[in-house]
Amino acid sequence: PLSDSECDVTENWCEASGDEDAQVTAFFDHRREEFEGAGLDVFWGDR
């Protein structure tokens, strides 16, 4: 897939499947979203 980013999720895969021999990568799309920070500050970031 085309993606905005990716990360390793091998640990999650091992827990779910019991298969410790595989390397697993997750692919992500990003969308802009408002986030609420400390003190109720609102800012834009990527989800």
PDB file of all heavy atoms in Angstrom:
ATOM      1  N   PRO A   1       0.811  -1.214   0.000  1.00  0.00           N
ATOM      2  CA  PRO A   1       0.000   0.000   0.000  1.00  0.00           C
ATOM      3  C   PRO A   1       0.850   1.272   0.000  1.00  0.00           C
ATOM      4  O   PRO A   1       1.977   1.277   0.488  1.00  0.00           O
ATOM      5  CB  PRO A   1      -0.771  -0.104   1.318  1.00  0.00           C
ATOM      6  CG  PRO A   1       0.162  -0.855   2.212  1.00  0.00           C
ATOM      7  CD  PRO A   1       0.868  -1.840   1.306  1.00  0.00           C
ATOM      8  N   LEU A   2       0.286   2.327  -0.551  1.00  0.00           N
ATOM      9  CA  LEU A   2       0.859   3.656  -0.370  1.00  0.00           C
ATOM     10  C   LEU A   2       0.475   4.080   1.039  1.00  0.00           C
ATOM     11  O   LEU A   2      -0.620   3.767   1.506  1.00  0.00           O
ATOM     12  CB  LEU A   2       0.288   4.635  -1.382  1.00  0.00           C
ATOM     13  CG  LEU A   2       0.589   4.332  -2.847  1.00  0.00           C
ATOM     14  CD1 LEU A   2      -0.150   5.309  -3.747  1.00  0.00           C
ATOM     15  CD2 LEU A   2       2.076   4.398  -3.109  1.00  0.00           C
ATOM     16  N   SER A   3       1.367   4.759   1.729  1.00  0.00           N
ATOM     17  CA  SER A   3       1.048   5.162   3.096  1.00  0.00           C
ATOM     18  C   SER A   3       1.798   6.429   3.460  1.00  0.00           C
ATOM     19  O   SER A   3       2.795   6.774   2.843  1.00  0.00           O
ATOM     20  CB  SER A   3       1.404   4.047   4.083  1.00  0.00           C
ATOM     21  OG  SER A   3       2.793   3.806   4.093  1.00  0.00           O
ATOM     22  N   ASP A   4       1.281   7.105   4.489  1.00  0.00           N
ATOM     23  CA  ASP A   4       1.954   8.291   5.009  1.00  0.00           C
ATOM     24  C   ASP A   4       3.088   7.917   5.953  1.00  0.00           C
ATOM     25  O   ASP A   4       4.042   8.667   6.111  1.00  0.00           O
ATOM     26  CB  ASP A   4       0.950   9.196   5.730  1.00  0.00           C
ATOM     27  CG  ASP A   4      -0.092   9.780   4.797  1.00  0.00           C
ATOM     28  OD1 ASP A   4       0.272  10.133   3.652  1.00  0.00           O
ATOM     29  OD2 ASP A   4      -1.262   9.877   5.191  1.00  0.00           O
ATOM     30  N   SER A   5       2.957   6.768   6.630  1.00  0.00           N
ATOM     31  CA  SER A   5       4.002   6.309   7.550  1.00  0.00           C
ATOM     32  C   SER A   5       3.811   4.821   7.822  1.00  0.00           C
ATOM     33  O   SER A   5       2.816   4.225   7.434  1.00  0.00           O
ATOM     34  CB  SER A   5       3.954   7.106   8.862  1.00  0.00           C
ATOM     35  OG  SER A   5       2.739   6.854   9.548  1.00  0.00           O
ATOM     36  N   GLU A   6       4.789   4.257   8.511  1.00  0.00           N
ATOM     37  CA  GLU A   6       4.722   2.848   8.884  1.00  0.00           C
ATOM     38  C   GLU A   6       5.494   2.633  10.175  1.00  0.00           C
ATOM     39  O   GLU A   6       6.316   3.466  10.567  1.00  0.00           O
ATOM     40  CB  GLU A   6       5.257   1.955   7.771  1.00  0.00           C
ATOM     41  CG  GLU A   6       6.647   2.285   7.300  1.00  0.00           C
ATOM     42  CD  GLU A   6       7.036   1.525   6.045  1.00  0.00           C
ATOM     43  OE1 GLU A   6       6.480   1.803   4.983  1.00  0.00           O
ATOM     44  OE2 GLU A   6       7.923   0.653   6.166  1.00  0.00           O
ATOM     45  N   CYS A   7       5.205   1.527  10.856  1.00  0.00           N
ATOM     46  CA  CYS A   7       5.948   1.175  12.062  1.00  0.00           C
ATOM     47  C   CYS A   7       5.914  -0.330  12.271  1.00  0.00           C
ATOM     48  O   CYS A   7       5.059  -1.035  11.729  1.00  0.00           O
ATOM     49  CB  CYS A   7       5.426   1.917  13.288  1.00  0.00           C
ATOM     50  SG  CYS A   7       3.878   1.304  13.955  1.00  0.00           S
ATOM     51  N   ASP A   8       6.841  -0.826  13.065  1.00  0.00           N
ATOM     52  CA  ASP A   8       6.955  -2.241  13.368  1.00  0.00           C
ATOM     53  C   ASP A   8       5.907  -2.638  14.411  1.00  0.00           C
ATOM     54  O   ASP A   8       5.784  -1.986  15.449  1.00  0.00           O
ATOM     55  CB  ASP A   8       8.363  -2.540  13.898  1.00  0.00           C
ATOM     56  CG  ASP A   8       8.585  -4.013  14.131  1.00  0.00           C
ATOM     57  OD1 ASP A   8       8.052  -4.532  15.132  1.00  0.00           O
ATOM     58  OD2 ASP A   8       9.269  -4.636  13.315  1.00  0.00           O
ATOM     59  N   VAL A   9       5.142  -3.694  14.131  1.00  0.00           N
ATOM     60  CA  VAL A   9       4.160  -4.211  15.091  1.00  0.00           C
ATOM     61  C   VAL A   9       4.368  -5.710  15.314  1.00  0.00           C
ATOM     62  O   VAL A   9       3.425  -6.442  15.625  1.00  0.00           O
ATOM     63  CB  VAL A   9       2.704  -3.908  14.638  1.00  0.00           C
ATOM     64  CG1 VAL A   9       2.424  -2.418  14.677  1.00  0.00           C
ATOM     65  CG2 VAL A   9       2.414  -4.482  13.260  1.00  0.00           C
ATOM     66  N   THR A  10       5.617  -6.149  15.182  1.00  0.00           N
ATOM     67  CA  THR A  10       5.937  -7.563  15.329  1.00  0.00           C
ATOM     68  C   THR A  10       5.529  -8.093  16.697  1.00  0.00           C
ATOM     69  O   THR A  10       4.996  -9.199  16.810  1.00  0.00           O
ATOM     70  CB  THR A  10       7.442  -7.791  15.079  1.00  0.00           C
ATOM     71  OG1 THR A  10       7.755  -7.345  13.757  1.00  0.00           O
ATOM     72  CG2 THR A  10       7.816  -9.254  15.238  1.00  0.00           C
ATOM     73  N   GLU A  11       5.741  -7.311  17.731  1.00  0.00           N
ATOM     74  CA  GLU A  11       5.386  -7.754  19.088  1.00  0.00           C
ATOM     75  C   GLU A  11       3.891  -8.034  19.198  1.00  0.00           C
ATOM     76  O   GLU A  11       3.475  -9.047  19.765  1.00  0.00           O
ATOM     77  CB  GLU A  11       5.805  -6.693  20.111  1.00  0.00           C
ATOM     78  CG  GLU A  11       5.559  -7.097  21.539  1.00  0.00           C
ATOM     79  CD  GLU A  11       6.055  -6.057  22.521  1.00  0.00           C
ATOM     80  OE1 GLU A  11       7.162  -5.535  22.330  1.00  0.00           O
ATOM     81  OE2 GLU A  11       5.321  -5.780  23.478  1.00  0.00           O
ATOM     82  N   ASN A  12       3.066  -7.128  18.640  1.00  0.00           N
ATOM     83  CA  ASN A  12       1.619  -7.338  18.665  1.00  0.00           C
ATOM     84  C   ASN A  12       1.235  -8.598  17.883  1.00  0.00           C
ATOM     85  O   ASN A  12       0.360  -9.355  18.288  1.00  0.00           O
ATOM     86  CB  ASN A  12       0.886  -6.131  18.070  1.00  0.00           C
ATOM     87  CG  ASN A  12       1.188  -4.866  18.822  1.00  0.00           C
ATOM     88  OD1 ASN A  12       2.096  -4.145  18.454  1.00  0.00           O
ATOM     89  ND2 ASN A  12       0.450  -4.611  19.883  1.00  0.00           N
ATOM     90  N   TRP A  13       1.908  -8.804  16.751  1.00  0.00           N
ATOM     91  CA  TRP A  13       1.660  -9.990  15.938  1.00  0.00           C
ATOM     92  C   TRP A  13       1.991 -11.259  16.715  1.00  0.00           C
ATOM     93  O   TRP A  13       1.214 -12.216  16.715  1.00  0.00           O
ATOM     94  CB  TRP A  13       2.483  -9.917  14.654  1.00  0.00           C
ATOM     95  CG  TRP A  13       2.474 -11.190  13.874  1.00  0.00           C
ATOM     96  CD1 TRP A  13       3.477 -12.108  13.788  1.00  0.00           C
ATOM     97  CD2 TRP A  13       1.405 -11.712  13.085  1.00  0.00           C
ATOM     98  NE1 TRP A  13       3.105 -13.158  12.990  1.00  0.00           N
ATOM     99  CE2 TRP A  13       1.824 -12.940  12.548  1.00  0.00           C
ATOM    100  CE3 TRP A  13       0.127 -11.254  12.787  1.00  0.00           C
ATOM    101  CZ2 TRP A  13       1.031 -13.713  11.725  1.00  0.00           C
ATOM    102  CZ3 TRP A  13      -0.668 -12.034  11.963  1.00  0.00           C
ATOM    103  CH2 TRP A  13      -0.224 -13.240  11.444  1.00  0.00           C
ATOM    104  N   CYS A  14       3.138 -11.281  17.382  1.00  0.00           N
ATOM    105  CA  CYS A  14       3.551 -12.463  18.146  1.00  0.00           C
ATOM    106  C   CYS A  14       2.542 -12.796  19.235  1.00  0.00           C
ATOM    107  O   CYS A  14       2.214 -13.962  19.451  1.00  0.00           O
ATOM    108  CB  CYS A  14       4.928 -12.257  18.756  1.00  0.00           C
ATOM    109  SG  CYS A  14       6.259 -12.229  17.552  1.00  0.00           S
ATOM    110  N   GLU A  15       2.039 -11.772  19.918  1.00  0.00           N
ATOM    111  CA  GLU A  15       1.050 -11.988  20.976  1.00  0.00           C
ATOM    112  C   GLU A  15      -0.248 -12.551  20.419  1.00  0.00           C
ATOM    113  O   GLU A  15      -0.882 -13.407  21.026  1.00  0.00           O
ATOM    114  CB  GLU A  15       0.778 -10.685  21.723  1.00  0.00           C
ATOM    115  CG  GLU A  15       1.936 -10.227  22.580  1.00  0.00           C
ATOM    116  CD  GLU A  15       1.704  -8.857  23.196  1.00  0.00           C
ATOM    117  OE1 GLU A  15       0.580  -8.337  23.120  1.00  0.00           O
ATOM    118  OE2 GLU A  15       2.669  -8.305  23.755  1.00  0.00           O
ATOM    119  N   ALA A  16      -0.681 -12.062  19.246  1.00  0.00           N
ATOM    120  CA  ALA A  16      -1.952 -12.493  18.664  1.00  0.00           C
ATOM    121  C   ALA A  16      -1.872 -13.858  17.996  1.00  0.00           C
ATOM    122  O   ALA A  16      -2.815 -14.640  18.052  1.00  0.00           O
ATOM    123  CB  ALA A  16      -2.446 -11.453  17.656  1.00  0.00           C
ATOM    124  N   SER A  17      -0.736 -14.160  17.368  1.00  0.00           N
ATOM    125  CA  SER A  17      -0.647 -15.369  16.543  1.00  0.00           C
ATOM    126  C   SER A  17       0.222 -16.468  17.122  1.00  0.00           C
ATOM    127  O   SER A  17       0.088 -17.626  16.735  1.00  0.00           O
ATOM    128  CB  SER A  17      -0.092 -15.005  15.162  1.00  0.00           C
ATOM    129  OG  SER A  17       1.281 -14.670  15.268  1.00  0.00           O
ATOM    130  N   GLY A  18       1.142 -16.107  18.005  1.00  0.00           N
ATOM    131  CA  GLY A  18       2.106 -17.077  18.508  1.00  0.00           C
ATOM    132  C   GLY A  18       3.246 -17.327  17.534  1.00  0.00           C
ATOM    133  O   GLY A  18       4.152 -18.096  17.818  1.00  0.00           O
ATOM    134  N   ASP A  19       3.229 -16.678  16.385  1.00  0.00           N
ATOM    135  CA  ASP A  19       4.251 -16.826  15.344  1.00  0.00           C
ATOM    136  C   ASP A  19       5.378 -15.839  15.632  1.00  0.00           C
ATOM    137  O   ASP A  19       5.217 -14.639  15.440  1.00  0.00           O
ATOM    138  CB  ASP A  19       3.632 -16.556  13.973  1.00  0.00           C
ATOM    139  CG  ASP A  19       4.634 -16.667  12.840  1.00  0.00           C
ATOM    140  OD1 ASP A  19       5.814 -16.992  13.093  1.00  0.00           O
ATOM    141  OD2 ASP A  19       4.230 -16.420  11.695  1.00  0.00           O
ATOM    142  N   GLU A  20       6.520 -16.357  16.087  1.00  0.00           N
ATOM    143  CA  GLU A  20       7.637 -15.487  16.447  1.00  0.00           C
ATOM    144  C   GLU A  20       8.669 -15.352  15.331  1.00  0.00           C
ATOM    145  O   GLU A  20       9.681 -14.675  15.509  1.00  0.00           O
ATOM    146  CB  GLU A  20       8.287 -16.001  17.725  1.00  0.00           C
ATOM    147  CG  GLU A  20       7.354 -15.950  18.918  1.00  0.00           C
ATOM    148  CD  GLU A  20       8.001 -16.394  20.200  1.00  0.00           C
ATOM    149  OE1 GLU A  20       9.219 -16.683  20.203  1.00  0.00           O
ATOM    150  OE2 GLU A  20       7.290 -16.463  21.215  1.00  0.00           O
ATOM    151  N   ASP A  21       8.430 -15.977  14.200  1.00  0.00           N
ATOM    152  CA  ASP A  21       9.397 -15.941  13.103  1.00  0.00           C
ATOM    153  C   ASP A  21       9.149 -14.815  12.111  1.00  0.00           C
ATOM    154  O   ASP A  21      10.005 -14.531  11.282  1.00  0.00           O
ATOM    155  CB  ASP A  21       9.382 -17.275  12.339  1.00  0.00           C
ATOM    156  CG  ASP A  21       9.824 -18.436  13.217  1.00  0.00           C
ATOM    157  OD1 ASP A  21      10.677 -18.214  14.104  1.00  0.00           O
ATOM    158  OD2 ASP A  21       9.302 -19.547  13.025  1.00  0.00           O
ATOM    159  N   ALA A  22       8.010 -14.183  12.168  1.00  0.00           N
ATOM    160  CA  ALA A  22       7.651 -13.161  11.186  1.00  0.00           C
ATOM    161  C   ALA A  22       8.042 -11.759  11.653  1.00  0.00           C
ATOM    162  O   ALA A  22       8.102 -11.478  12.847  1.00  0.00           O
ATOM    163  CB  ALA A  22       6.157 -13.201  10.912  1.00  0.00           C
ATOM    164  N   GLN A  23       8.309 -10.898  10.694  1.00  0.00           N
ATOM    165  CA  GLN A  23       8.506  -9.464  10.926  1.00  0.00           C
ATOM    166  C   GLN A  23       7.253  -8.781  10.374  1.00  0.00           C
ATOM    167  O   GLN A  23       6.886  -9.004   9.219  1.00  0.00           O
ATOM    168  CB  GLN A  23       9.749  -8.973  10.178  1.00  0.00           C
ATOM    169  CG  GLN A  23      10.055  -7.515  10.340  1.00  0.00           C
ATOM    170  CD  GLN A  23      10.565  -7.204  11.744  1.00  0.00           C
ATOM    171  OE1 GLN A  23      11.210  -8.023  12.386  1.00  0.00           O
ATOM    172  NE2 GLN A  23      10.263  -6.020  12.222  1.00  0.00           N
ATOM    173  N   VAL A  24       6.578  -7.958  11.190  1.00  0.00           N
ATOM    174  CA  VAL A  24       5.300  -7.382  10.772  1.00  0.00           C
ATOM    175  C   VAL A  24       5.367  -5.859  10.836  1.00  0.00           C
ATOM    176  O   VAL A  24       5.780  -5.276  11.835  1.00  0.00           O
ATOM    177  CB  VAL A  24       4.141  -7.907  11.645  1.00  0.00           C
ATOM    178  CG1 VAL A  24       2.802  -7.375  11.160  1.00  0.00           C
ATOM    179  CG2 VAL A  24       4.136  -9.435  11.646  1.00  0.00           C
ATOM    180  N   THR A  25       4.953  -5.232   9.747  1.00  0.00           N
ATOM    181  CA  THR A  25       4.946  -3.773   9.614  1.00  0.00           C
ATOM    182  C   THR A  25       3.521  -3.304   9.397  1.00  0.00           C
ATOM    183  O   THR A  25       2.781  -3.905   8.617  1.00  0.00           O
ATOM    184  CB  THR A  25       5.814  -3.338   8.409  1.00  0.00           C
ATOM    185  OG1 THR A  25       7.133  -3.847   8.585  1.00  0.00           O
ATOM    186  CG2 THR A  25       5.856  -1.825   8.279  1.00  0.00           C
ATOM    187  N   ALA A  26       3.141  -2.233  10.088  1.00  0.00           N
ATOM    188  CA  ALA A  26       1.824  -1.615   9.895  1.00  0.00           C
ATOM    189  C   ALA A  26       1.987  -0.352   9.057  1.00  0.00           C
ATOM    190  O   ALA A  26       2.962   0.388   9.228  1.00  0.00           O
ATOM    191  CB  ALA A  26       1.199  -1.268  11.237  1.00  0.00           C
ATOM    192  N   PHE A  27       1.034  -0.117   8.165  1.00  0.00           N
ATOM    193  CA  PHE A  27       1.021   1.066   7.305  1.00  0.00           C
ATOM    194  C   PHE A  27      -0.135   1.962   7.717  1.00  0.00           C
ATOM    195  O   PHE A  27      -1.227   1.470   8.038  1.00  0.00           O
ATOM    196  CB  PHE A  27       0.861   0.645   5.836  1.00  0.00           C
ATOM    197  CG  PHE A  27       2.010  -0.196   5.348  1.00  0.00           C
ATOM    198  CD1 PHE A  27       1.986  -1.571   5.492  1.00  0.00           C
ATOM    199  CD2 PHE A  27       3.107   0.401   4.753  1.00  0.00           C
ATOM    200  CE1 PHE A  27       3.045  -2.352   5.051  1.00  0.00           C
ATOM    201  CE2 PHE A  27       4.178  -0.372   4.315  1.00  0.00           C
ATOM    202  CZ  PHE A  27       4.146  -1.749   4.466  1.00  0.00           C
ATOM    203  N   PHE A  28       0.117   3.274   7.683  1.00  0.00           N
ATOM    204  CA  PHE A  28      -0.866   4.235   8.172  1.00  0.00           C
ATOM    205  C   PHE A  28      -1.103   5.366   7.175  1.00  0.00           C
ATOM    206  O   PHE A  28      -0.171   5.820   6.515  1.00  0.00           O
ATOM    207  CB  PHE A  28      -0.377   4.890   9.474  1.00  0.00           C
ATOM    208  CG  PHE A  28      -0.140   3.917  10.588  1.00  0.00           C
ATOM    209  CD1 PHE A  28       1.083   3.287  10.731  1.00  0.00           C
ATOM    210  CD2 PHE A  28      -1.134   3.634  11.503  1.00  0.00           C
ATOM    211  CE1 PHE A  28       1.316   2.397  11.757  1.00  0.00           C
ATOM    212  CE2 PHE A  28      -0.914   2.740  12.538  1.00  0.00           C
ATOM    213  CZ  PHE A  28       0.313   2.116  12.666  1.00  0.00           C
ATOM    214  N   ASP A  29      -2.350   5.825   7.122  1.00  0.00           N
ATOM    215  CA  ASP A  29      -2.687   7.103   6.497  1.00  0.00           C
ATOM    216  C   ASP A  29      -2.845   8.096   7.630  1.00  0.00           C
ATOM    217  O   ASP A  29      -3.211   7.720   8.751  1.00  0.00           O
ATOM    218  CB  ASP A  29      -4.001   7.014   5.708  1.00  0.00           C
ATOM    219  CG  ASP A  29      -3.825   6.336   4.359  1.00  0.00           C
ATOM    220  OD1 ASP A  29      -2.672   6.239   3.887  1.00  0.00           O
ATOM    221  OD2 ASP A  29      -4.838   5.910   3.788  1.00  0.00           O
ATOM    222  N   HIS A  30      -2.579   9.357   7.349  1.00  0.00           N
ATOM    223  CA  HIS A  30      -2.735  10.406   8.358  1.00  0.00           C
ATOM    224  C   HIS A  30      -3.896  11.302   7.965  1.00  0.00           C
ATOM    225  O   HIS A  30      -4.105  11.578   6.788  1.00  0.00           O
ATOM    226  CB  HIS A  30      -1.479  11.283   8.442  1.00  0.00           C
ATOM    227  CG  HIS A  30      -0.254  10.529   8.835  1.00  0.00           C
ATOM    228  ND1 HIS A  30       0.970  11.130   8.934  1.00  0.00           N
ATOM    229  CD2 HIS A  30      -0.047   9.217   9.166  1.00  0.00           C
ATOM    230  CE1 HIS A  30       1.874  10.236   9.298  1.00  0.00           C
ATOM    231  NE2 HIS A  30       1.276   9.074   9.437  1.00  0.00           N
ATOM    232  N   ARG A  31      -4.642  11.763   8.965  1.00  0.00           N
ATOM    233  CA  ARG A  31      -5.665  12.784   8.718  1.00  0.00           C
ATOM    234  C   ARG A  31      -5.528  13.854   9.789  1.00  0.00           C
ATOM    235  O   ARG A  31      -5.203  13.563  10.944  1.00  0.00           O
ATOM    236  CB  ARG A  31      -7.056  12.190   8.668  1.00  0.00           C
ATOM    237  CG  ARG A  31      -7.578  11.617   9.941  1.00  0.00           C
ATOM    238  CD  ARG A  31      -9.022  11.100   9.775  1.00  0.00           C
ATOM    239  NE  ARG A  31      -9.378  10.184  10.813  1.00  0.00           N
ATOM    240  CZ  ARG A  31      -9.788  10.537  12.030  1.00  0.00           C
ATOM    241  NH1 ARG A  31      -9.908  11.798  12.339  1.00  0.00           N
ATOM    242  NH2 ARG A  31     -10.081   9.635  12.929  1.00  0.00           N
ATOM    243  N   ARG A  32      -5.747  15.094   9.377  1.00  0.00           N
ATOM    244  CA  ARG A  32      -5.637  16.227  10.307  1.00  0.00           C
ATOM    245  C   ARG A  32      -6.806  16.198  11.276  1.00  0.00           C
ATOM    246  O   ARG A  32      -7.937  15.901  10.905  1.00  0.00           O
ATOM    247  CB  ARG A  32      -5.632  17.551   9.553  1.00  0.00           C
ATOM    248  CG  ARG A  32      -4.455  17.733   8.622  1.00  0.00           C
ATOM    249  CD  ARG A  32      -3.130  17.750   9.315  1.00  0.00           C
ATOM    250  NE  ARG A  32      -2.898  19.007   9.991  1.00  0.00           N
ATOM    251  CZ  ARG A  32      -1.908  19.231  10.833  1.00  0.00           C
ATOM    252  NH1 ARG A  32      -1.054  18.279  11.103  1.00  0.00           N
ATOM    253  NH2 ARG A  32      -1.748  20.396  11.394  1.00  0.00           N
ATOM    254  N   GLU A  33      -6.507  16.506  12.538  1.00  0.00           N
ATOM    255  CA  GLU A  33      -7.523  16.456  13.576  1.00  0.00           C
ATOM    256  C   GLU A  33      -7.156  17.430  14.689  1.00  0.00           C
ATOM    257  O   GLU A  33      -5.979  17.691  14.929  1.00  0.00           O
ATOM    258  CB  GLU A  33      -7.588  15.026  14.122  1.00  0.00           C
ATOM    259  CG  GLU A  33      -8.671  14.792  15.119  1.00  0.00           C
ATOM    260  CD  GLU A  33      -8.769  13.317  15.493  1.00  0.00           C
ATOM    261  OE1 GLU A  33      -9.143  12.507  14.623  1.00  0.00           O
ATOM    262  OE2 GLU A  33      -8.457  13.001  16.651  1.00  0.00           O
ATOM    263  N   GLU A  34      -8.171  17.939  15.365  1.00  0.00           N
ATOM    264  CA  GLU A  34      -7.932  18.772  16.547  1.00  0.00           C
ATOM    265  C   GLU A  34      -7.664  17.870  17.739  1.00  0.00           C
ATOM    266  O   GLU A  34      -8.345  16.870  17.938  1.00  0.00           O
ATOM    267  CB  GLU A  34      -9.162  19.631  16.864  1.00  0.00           C
ATOM    268  CG  GLU A  34      -9.282  20.873  16.045  1.00  0.00           C
ATOM    269  CD  GLU A  34     -10.410  21.760  16.546  1.00  0.00           C
ATOM    270  OE1 GLU A  34     -10.991  21.495  17.619  1.00  0.00           O
ATOM    271  OE2 GLU A  34     -10.714  22.721  15.833  1.00  0.00           O
ATOM    272  N   PHE A  35      -6.661  18.235  18.515  1.00  0.00           N
ATOM    273  CA  PHE A  35      -6.344  17.517  19.741  1.00  0.00           C
ATOM    274  C   PHE A  35      -6.469  18.489  20.898  1.00  0.00           C
ATOM    275  O   PHE A  35      -6.207  19.683  20.756  1.00  0.00           O
ATOM    276  CB  PHE A  35      -4.908  16.976  19.710  1.00  0.00           C
ATOM    277  CG  PHE A  35      -4.706  15.839  18.754  1.00  0.00           C
ATOM    278  CD1 PHE A  35      -4.337  16.075  17.437  1.00  0.00           C
ATOM    279  CD2 PHE A  35      -4.892  14.539  19.172  1.00  0.00           C
ATOM    280  CE1 PHE A  35      -4.141  15.031  16.560  1.00  0.00           C
ATOM    281  CE2 PHE A  35      -4.698  13.481  18.303  1.00  0.00           C
ATOM    282  CZ  PHE A  35      -4.331  13.732  16.994  1.00  0.00           C
ATOM    283  N   GLU A  36      -6.840  17.953  22.048  1.00  0.00           N
ATOM    284  CA  GLU A  36      -6.946  18.770  23.254  1.00  0.00           C
ATOM    285  C   GLU A  36      -5.756  18.459  24.138  1.00  0.00           C
ATOM    286  O   GLU A  36      -5.535  17.311  24.525  1.00  0.00           O
ATOM    287  CB  GLU A  36      -8.248  18.444  23.982  1.00  0.00           C
ATOM    288  CG  GLU A  36      -8.611  19.429  25.049  1.00  0.00           C
ATOM    289  CD  GLU A  36      -9.991  19.136  25.608  1.00  0.00           C
ATOM    290  OE1 GLU A  36     -10.967  19.243  24.868  1.00  0.00           O
ATOM    291  OE2 GLU A  36     -10.054  18.794  26.801  1.00  0.00           O
ATOM    292  N   GLY A  37      -4.959  19.480  24.435  1.00  0.00           N
ATOM    293  CA  GLY A  37      -3.768  19.290  25.243  1.00  0.00           C
ATOM    294  C   GLY A  37      -4.007  19.640  26.696  1.00  0.00           C
ATOM    295  O   GLY A  37      -5.137  19.842  27.145  1.00  0.00           O
ATOM    296  N   ALA A  38      -2.924  19.742  27.433  1.00  0.00           N
ATOM    297  CA  ALA A  38      -2.995  20.119  28.848  1.00  0.00           C
ATOM    298  C   ALA A  38      -3.574  21.523  28.967  1.00  0.00           C
ATOM    299  O   ALA A  38      -3.291  22.400  28.159  1.00  0.00           O
ATOM    300  CB  ALA A  38      -1.612  20.054  29.471  1.00  0.00           C
ATOM    301  N   GLY A  39      -4.383  21.745  29.955  1.00  0.00           N
ATOM    302  CA  GLY A  39      -4.978  23.061  30.156  1.00  0.00           C
ATOM    303  C   GLY A  39      -6.039  23.384  29.112  1.00  0.00           C
ATOM    304  O   GLY A  39      -6.345  24.539  28.869  1.00  0.00           O
ATOM    305  N   LEU A  40      -6.584  22.345  28.484  1.00  0.00           N
ATOM    306  CA  LEU A  40      -7.623  22.485  27.466  1.00  0.00           C
ATOM    307  C   LEU A  40      -7.174  23.252  26.236  1.00  0.00           C
ATOM    308  O   LEU A  40      -7.985  23.787  25.495  1.00  0.00           O
ATOM    309  CB  LEU A  40      -8.891  23.110  28.066  1.00  0.00           C
ATOM    310  CG  LEU A  40      -9.508  22.336  29.238  1.00  0.00           C
ATOM    311  CD1 LEU A  40     -10.736  23.072  29.758  1.00  0.00           C
ATOM    312  CD2 LEU A  40      -9.865  20.913  28.844  1.00  0.00           C
ATOM    313  N   ASP A  41      -5.859  23.337  25.993  1.00  0.00           N
ATOM    314  CA  ASP A  41      -5.358  23.933  24.762  1.00  0.00           C
ATOM    315  C   ASP A  41      -5.742  23.026  23.598  1.00  0.00           C
ATOM    316  O   ASP A  41      -5.639  21.810  23.686  1.00  0.00           O
ATOM    317  CB  ASP A  41      -3.831  24.069  24.791  1.00  0.00           C
ATOM    318  CG  ASP A  41      -3.365  25.059  25.848  1.00  0.00           C
ATOM    319  OD1 ASP A  41      -4.134  25.984  26.169  1.00  0.00           O
ATOM    320  OD2 ASP A  41      -2.241  24.888  26.341  1.00  0.00           O
ATOM    321  N   VAL A  42      -6.167  23.638  22.512  1.00  0.00           N
ATOM    322  CA  VAL A  42      -6.531  22.875  21.320  1.00  0.00           C
ATOM    323  C   VAL A  42      -5.486  23.128  20.251  1.00  0.00           C
ATOM    324  O   VAL A  42      -5.058  24.258  20.039  1.00  0.00           O
ATOM    325  CB  VAL A  42      -7.934  23.274  20.823  1.00  0.00           C
ATOM    326  CG1 VAL A  42      -8.278  22.553  19.527  1.00  0.00           C
ATOM    327  CG2 VAL A  42      -8.987  22.976  21.891  1.00  0.00           C
ATOM    328  N   PHE A  43      -5.041  22.069  19.573  1.00  0.00           N
ATOM    329  CA  PHE A  43      -4.068  22.208  18.505  1.00  0.00           C
ATOM    330  C   PHE A  43      -4.361  21.166  17.430  1.00  0.00           C
ATOM    331  O   PHE A  43      -5.074  20.190  17.661  1.00  0.00           O
ATOM    332  CB  PHE A  43      -2.644  22.059  19.038  1.00  0.00           C
ATOM    333  CG  PHE A  43      -2.377  20.732  19.686  1.00  0.00           C
ATOM    334  CD1 PHE A  43      -1.848  19.685  18.954  1.00  0.00           C
ATOM    335  CD2 PHE A  43      -2.670  20.522  21.032  1.00  0.00           C
ATOM    336  CE1 PHE A  43      -1.612  18.458  19.550  1.00  0.00           C
ATOM    337  CE2 PHE A  43      -2.438  19.293  21.620  1.00  0.00           C
ATOM    338  CZ  PHE A  43      -1.910  18.265  20.879  1.00  0.00           C
ATOM    339  N   TRP A  44      -3.821  21.390  16.248  1.00  0.00           N
ATOM    340  CA  TRP A  44      -4.005  20.467  15.131  1.00  0.00           C
ATOM    341  C   TRP A  44      -2.835  19.503  15.061  1.00  0.00           C
ATOM    342  O   TRP A  44      -1.690  19.878  15.297  1.00  0.00           O
ATOM    343  CB  TRP A  44      -4.114  21.235  13.815  1.00  0.00           C
ATOM    344  CG  TRP A  44      -5.443  21.888  13.664  1.00  0.00           C
ATOM    345  CD1 TRP A  44      -5.770  23.161  14.039  1.00  0.00           C
ATOM    346  CD2 TRP A  44      -6.637  21.307  13.154  1.00  0.00           C
ATOM    347  NE1 TRP A  44      -7.088  23.406  13.782  1.00  0.00           N
ATOM    348  CE2 TRP A  44      -7.648  22.286  13.229  1.00  0.00           C
ATOM    349  CE3 TRP A  44      -6.948  20.063  12.636  1.00  0.00           C
ATOM    350  CZ2 TRP A  44      -8.951  22.042  12.806  1.00  0.00           C
ATOM    351  CZ3 TRP A  44      -8.247  19.830  12.208  1.00  0.00           C
ATOM    352  CH2 TRP A  44      -9.222  20.815  12.296  1.00  0.00           C
ATOM    353  N   GLY A  45      -3.121  18.270  14.744  1.00  0.00           N
ATOM    354  CA  GLY A  45      -2.098  17.257  14.556  1.00  0.00           C
ATOM    355  C   GLY A  45      -2.597  16.203  13.596  1.00  0.00           C
ATOM    356  O   GLY A  45      -3.679  16.327  13.031  1.00  0.00           O
ATOM    357  N   ASP A  46      -1.806  15.177  13.405  1.00  0.00           N
ATOM    358  CA  ASP A  46      -2.174  14.088  12.508  1.00  0.00           C
ATOM    359  C   ASP A  46      -2.625  12.877  13.306  1.00  0.00           C
ATOM    360  O   ASP A  46      -1.989  12.498  14.288  1.00  0.00           O
ATOM    361  CB  ASP A  46      -0.984  13.672  11.631  1.00  0.00           C
ATOM    362  CG  ASP A  46      -0.635  14.720  10.595  1.00  0.00           C
ATOM    363  OD1 ASP A  46      -1.572  15.320  10.038  1.00  0.00           O
ATOM    364  OD2 ASP A  46       0.557  14.934  10.348  1.00  0.00           O
ATOM    365  N   ARG A  47      -3.722  12.278  12.886  1.00  0.00           N
ATOM    366  CA  ARG A  47      -4.224  11.032  13.471  1.00  0.00           C
ATOM    367  C   ARG A  47      -3.815   9.898  12.539  1.00  0.00           C
ATOM    368  O   ARG A  47      -4.088   9.940  11.347  1.00  0.00           O
ATOM    369  CB  ARG A  47      -5.738  11.089  13.606  1.00  0.00           C
ATOM    370  CG  ARG A  47      -6.434   9.776  13.934  1.00  0.00           C
ATOM    371  CD  ARG A  47      -6.283   9.310  15.340  1.00  0.00           C
ATOM    372  NE  ARG A  47      -6.799  10.268  16.280  1.00  0.00           N
ATOM    373  CZ  ARG A  47      -6.525  10.223  17.579  1.00  0.00           C
ATOM    374  NH1 ARG A  47      -5.747   9.269  18.056  1.00  0.00           N
ATOM    375  NH2 ARG A  47      -7.011  11.119  18.392  1.00  0.00           N
TER     376      ARG A  47
END
